Amino acid sequence: MSKIAKVSLIVEDYDRAIDWFTRCLGFELVEDIAMGNKRWVVVAPAGGGAQLVLARAVNAQQSAMIGAQGGGRVWLFYEVDDFATAHAHMLAMGVEFEEEPRHEPYGAVAVFKDLYGNRWDLLAKALPLPPKQPTE
């Protein structure tokens, strides 16, 4: 089996990022290991899926990429089972949404920004259509 297990997200501060992802998105802190002047910090959605490695910027080039890793595009997708509950929780936590939720053929979606300005989709996939019944 092969999979993309982790994606690195450049952050300004480990603790601030851990707080935001765990409080606002309900992610779990998977690992936080001190490694000299840096840390190995991993957060993940409670239900599983790809994990985020929160990587603190260590130079000007990396700092310039904070909040811009997707080049202004939505590049991260937070998929939930209960869109309405997740959306309401995120609003209550002060998460900035760029739009009202909308329905697309692939599901319910709304674009939001994380604490650094990276653009994400909050997404609940559409239920598959039942198989077509034969017509007589």
C-alpha atoms as a PDB file:
ATOM      1  CA  MET A   1       0.000   0.000   0.000  1.00  0.00           C
ATOM      2  CA  SER A   2       1.195   3.500  -0.808  1.00  0.00           C
ATOM      3  CA  LYS A   3      -0.257   6.793   0.398  1.00  0.00           C
ATOM      4  CA  ILE A   4       0.521  10.390   1.118  1.00  0.00           C
ATOM      5  CA  ALA A   5       0.697  10.253   4.891  1.00  0.00           C
ATOM      6  CA  LYS A   6       1.837  13.758   5.836  1.00  0.00           C
ATOM      7  CA  VAL A   7       2.003  17.246   4.368  1.00  0.00           C
ATOM      8  CA  SER A   8       4.303  19.900   5.767  1.00  0.00           C
ATOM      9  CA  LEU A   9       2.770  23.271   6.602  1.00  0.00           C
ATOM     10  CA  ILE A  10       5.128  26.155   7.310  1.00  0.00           C
ATOM     11  CA  VAL A  11       4.120  28.035  10.463  1.00  0.00           C
ATOM     12  CA  GLU A  12       5.411  30.976  12.429  1.00  0.00           C
ATOM     13  CA  ASP A  13       5.062  29.435  15.883  1.00  0.00           C
ATOM     14  CA  TYR A  14       4.559  25.820  16.955  1.00  0.00           C
ATOM     15  CA  ASP A  15       2.364  26.459  19.985  1.00  0.00           C
ATOM     16  CA  ARG A  16       0.123  28.986  18.284  1.00  0.00           C
ATOM     17  CA  ALA A  17      -0.389  26.595  15.351  1.00  0.00           C
ATOM     18  CA  ILE A  18      -1.078  23.624  17.652  1.00  0.00           C
ATOM     19  CA  ASP A  19      -3.662  25.691  19.538  1.00  0.00           C
ATOM     20  CA  TRP A  20      -5.411  26.856  16.372  1.00  0.00           C
ATOM     21  CA  PHE A  21      -5.632  23.456  14.688  1.00  0.00           C
ATOM     22  CA  THR A  22      -6.751  21.628  17.824  1.00  0.00           C
ATOM     23  CA  ARG A  23      -9.202  24.296  18.991  1.00  0.00           C
ATOM     24  CA  CYS A  24     -10.640  25.551  15.706  1.00  0.00           C
ATOM     25  CA  LEU A  25     -10.619  22.383  13.593  1.00  0.00           C
ATOM     26  CA  GLY A  26     -10.723  19.770  16.340  1.00  0.00           C
ATOM     27  CA  PHE A  27      -7.472  18.169  15.185  1.00  0.00           C
ATOM     28  CA  GLU A  28      -5.516  16.000  17.602  1.00  0.00           C
ATOM     29  CA  LEU A  29      -1.893  16.556  18.538  1.00  0.00           C
ATOM     30  CA  VAL A  30      -0.240  13.336  17.329  1.00  0.00           C
ATOM     31  CA  GLU A  31       3.418  14.100  18.078  1.00  0.00           C
ATOM     32  CA  ASP A  32       5.412  16.920  19.658  1.00  0.00           C
ATOM     33  CA  ILE A  33       9.061  15.941  19.987  1.00  0.00           C
ATOM     34  CA  ALA A  34      11.819  18.385  20.914  1.00  0.00           C
ATOM     35  CA  MET A  35      14.786  18.201  18.555  1.00  0.00           C
ATOM     36  CA  GLY A  36      17.271  20.796  19.729  1.00  0.00           C
ATOM     37  CA  ASN A  37      16.209  24.184  18.351  1.00  0.00           C
ATOM     38  CA  LYS A  38      13.223  22.728  16.465  1.00  0.00           C
ATOM     39  CA  ARG A  39      10.363  20.324  17.104  1.00  0.00           C
ATOM     40  CA  TRP A  40       8.669  17.496  15.222  1.00  0.00           C
ATOM     41  CA  VAL A  41       5.017  18.523  15.522  1.00  0.00           C
ATOM     42  CA  VAL A  42       2.241  16.542  13.879  1.00  0.00           C
ATOM     43  CA  VAL A  43      -1.515  17.206  14.041  1.00  0.00           C
ATOM     44  CA  ALA A  44      -4.312  15.294  12.368  1.00  0.00           C
ATOM     45  CA  PRO A  45      -8.088  15.220  12.066  1.00  0.00           C
ATOM     46  CA  ALA A  46      -9.645  13.107  14.824  1.00  0.00           C
ATOM     47  CA  GLY A  47     -11.131  10.681  12.296  1.00  0.00           C
ATOM     48  CA  GLY A  48      -7.851   9.913  10.538  1.00  0.00           C
ATOM     49  CA  GLY A  49      -6.514  10.805   7.133  1.00  0.00           C
ATOM     50  CA  ALA A  50      -3.408  12.716   6.139  1.00  0.00           C
ATOM     51  CA  GLN A  51      -1.483  14.427   8.908  1.00  0.00           C
ATOM     52  CA  LEU A  52       0.029  17.906   8.994  1.00  0.00           C
ATOM     53  CA  VAL A  53       3.640  18.384  10.017  1.00  0.00           C
ATOM     54  CA  LEU A  54       3.771  21.885  11.491  1.00  0.00           C
ATOM     55  CA  ALA A  55       7.196  23.140  10.415  1.00  0.00           C
ATOM     56  CA  ARG A  56       8.405  26.402  11.949  1.00  0.00           C
ATOM     57  CA  ALA A  57      10.060  28.714   9.433  1.00  0.00           C
ATOM     58  CA  VAL A  58      13.782  29.055  10.108  1.00  0.00           C
ATOM     59  CA  ASN A  59      14.878  31.587   7.487  1.00  0.00           C
ATOM     60  CA  ALA A  60      13.578  34.518   5.437  1.00  0.00           C
ATOM     61  CA  GLN A  61      12.682  32.372   2.425  1.00  0.00           C
ATOM     62  CA  GLN A  62      10.558  30.028   4.527  1.00  0.00           C
ATOM     63  CA  SER A  63       8.997  32.925   6.449  1.00  0.00           C
ATOM     64  CA  ALA A  64       7.960  34.508   3.148  1.00  0.00           C
ATOM     65  CA  MET A  65       5.989  31.337   2.319  1.00  0.00           C
ATOM     66  CA  ILE A  66       3.901  31.312   5.510  1.00  0.00           C
ATOM     67  CA  GLY A  67       0.279  31.507   4.391  1.00  0.00           C
ATOM     68  CA  ALA A  68       1.236  31.369   0.716  1.00  0.00           C
ATOM     69  CA  GLN A  69       2.225  27.755   0.139  1.00  0.00           C
ATOM     70  CA  GLY A  70      -0.703  27.283  -2.225  1.00  0.00           C
ATOM     71  CA  GLY A  71       0.111  30.365  -4.293  1.00  0.00           C
ATOM     72  CA  GLY A  72      -3.248  31.926  -3.385  1.00  0.00           C
ATOM     73  CA  ARG A  73      -5.266  28.844  -4.343  1.00  0.00           C
ATOM     74  CA  VAL A  74      -7.196  26.494  -2.134  1.00  0.00           C
ATOM     75  CA  TRP A  75      -4.727  23.683  -1.627  1.00  0.00           C
ATOM     76  CA  LEU A  76      -5.841  21.946   1.539  1.00  0.00           C
ATOM     77  CA  PHE A  77      -9.127  20.096   1.893  1.00  0.00           C
ATOM     78  CA  TYR A  78     -10.690  19.372   5.280  1.00  0.00           C
ATOM     79  CA  GLU A  79     -13.332  16.718   4.713  1.00  0.00           C
ATOM     80  CA  VAL A  80     -15.989  16.200   7.382  1.00  0.00           C
ATOM     81  CA  ASP A  81     -19.024  13.961   7.761  1.00  0.00           C
ATOM     82  CA  ASP A  82     -21.262  16.646   9.306  1.00  0.00           C
ATOM     83  CA  PHE A  83     -20.743  19.881   7.395  1.00  0.00           C
ATOM     84  CA  ALA A  84     -23.248  21.975   9.381  1.00  0.00           C
ATOM     85  CA  THR A  85     -21.764  21.056  12.761  1.00  0.00           C
ATOM     86  CA  ALA A  86     -18.165  21.590  11.633  1.00  0.00           C
ATOM     87  CA  HIS A  87     -19.027  24.916   9.986  1.00  0.00           C
ATOM     88  CA  ALA A  88     -20.887  26.170  13.077  1.00  0.00           C
ATOM     89  CA  HIS A  89     -18.009  25.150  15.371  1.00  0.00           C
ATOM     90  CA  MET A  90     -15.438  26.840  13.169  1.00  0.00           C
ATOM     91  CA  LEU A  91     -17.499  30.038  13.014  1.00  0.00           C
ATOM     92  CA  ALA A  92     -17.819  30.002  16.815  1.00  0.00           C
ATOM     93  CA  MET A  93     -14.017  29.681  17.047  1.00  0.00           C
ATOM     94  CA  GLY A  94     -13.550  32.743  14.832  1.00  0.00           C
ATOM     95  CA  VAL A  95     -12.392  30.956  11.683  1.00  0.00           C
ATOM     96  CA  GLU A  96     -12.583  33.300   8.688  1.00  0.00           C
ATOM     97  CA  PHE A  97     -14.766  31.996   5.878  1.00  0.00           C
ATOM     98  CA  GLU A  98     -14.530  33.678   2.487  1.00  0.00           C
ATOM     99  CA  GLU A  99     -18.021  32.631   1.443  1.00  0.00           C
ATOM    100  CA  GLU A 100     -21.272  31.127   2.534  1.00  0.00           C
ATOM    101  CA  PRO A 101     -21.521  27.346   2.200  1.00  0.00           C
ATOM    102  CA  ARG A 102     -22.517  26.181  -1.249  1.00  0.00           C
ATOM    103  CA  HIS A 103     -23.513  22.901  -2.835  1.00  0.00           C
ATOM    104  CA  GLU A 104     -21.522  21.517  -5.724  1.00  0.00           C
ATOM    105  CA  PRO A 105     -21.913  18.180  -7.540  1.00  0.00           C
ATOM    106  CA  TYR A 106     -19.118  16.764  -5.346  1.00  0.00           C
ATOM    107  CA  GLY A 107     -20.626  17.983  -2.050  1.00  0.00           C
ATOM    108  CA  ALA A 108     -21.096  20.890   0.354  1.00  0.00           C
ATOM    109  CA  VAL A 109     -18.156  23.294   0.447  1.00  0.00           C
ATOM    110  CA  ALA A 110     -16.993  26.623   1.872  1.00  0.00           C
ATOM    111  CA  VAL A 111     -13.554  28.240   1.577  1.00  0.00           C
ATOM    112  CA  PHE A 112     -11.862  29.275   4.814  1.00  0.00           C
ATOM    113  CA  LYS A 113      -8.456  30.558   5.876  1.00  0.00           C
ATOM    114  CA  ASP A 114      -6.250  29.096   8.561  1.00  0.00           C
ATOM    115  CA  LEU A 115      -4.499  31.321  11.090  1.00  0.00           C
ATOM    116  CA  TYR A 116      -1.784  32.179   8.561  1.00  0.00           C
ATOM    117  CA  GLY A 117      -4.032  32.800   5.565  1.00  0.00           C
ATOM    118  CA  ASN A 118      -3.696  29.474   3.742  1.00  0.00           C
ATOM    119  CA  ARG A 119      -6.897  28.774   1.836  1.00  0.00           C
ATOM    120  CA  TRP A 120      -8.755  25.537   2.590  1.00  0.00           C
ATOM    121  CA  ASP A 121     -12.014  23.931   1.529  1.00  0.00           C
ATOM    122  CA  LEU A 122     -14.294  22.695   4.272  1.00  0.00           C
ATOM    123  CA  LEU A 123     -15.898  19.828   2.421  1.00  0.00           C
ATOM    124  CA  ALA A 124     -18.578  17.198   2.959  1.00  0.00           C
ATOM    125  CA  LYS A 125     -18.673  14.825   0.036  1.00  0.00           C
ATOM    126  CA  ALA A 126     -21.997  14.236  -1.665  1.00  0.00           C
ATOM    127  CA  LEU A 127     -23.588  10.900  -0.986  1.00  0.00           C
ATOM    128  CA  PRO A 128     -23.395   8.600  -3.968  1.00  0.00           C
ATOM    129  CA  LEU A 129     -26.545   8.273  -5.972  1.00  0.00           C
ATOM    130  CA  PRO A 130     -28.394   4.987  -5.582  1.00  0.00           C
ATOM    131  CA  PRO A 131     -27.985   2.603  -8.517  1.00  0.00           C
ATOM    132  CA  LYS A 132     -30.429   3.148 -11.353  1.00  0.00           C
ATOM    133  CA  GLN A 133     -33.358   0.794 -11.294  1.00  0.00           C
ATOM    134  CA  PRO A 134     -34.075  -0.987 -14.544  1.00  0.00           C
ATOM    135  CA  THR A 135     -37.069   0.426 -16.355  1.00  0.00           C
ATOM    136  CA  GLU A 136     -39.621  -1.748 -18.008  1.00  0.00           C
END
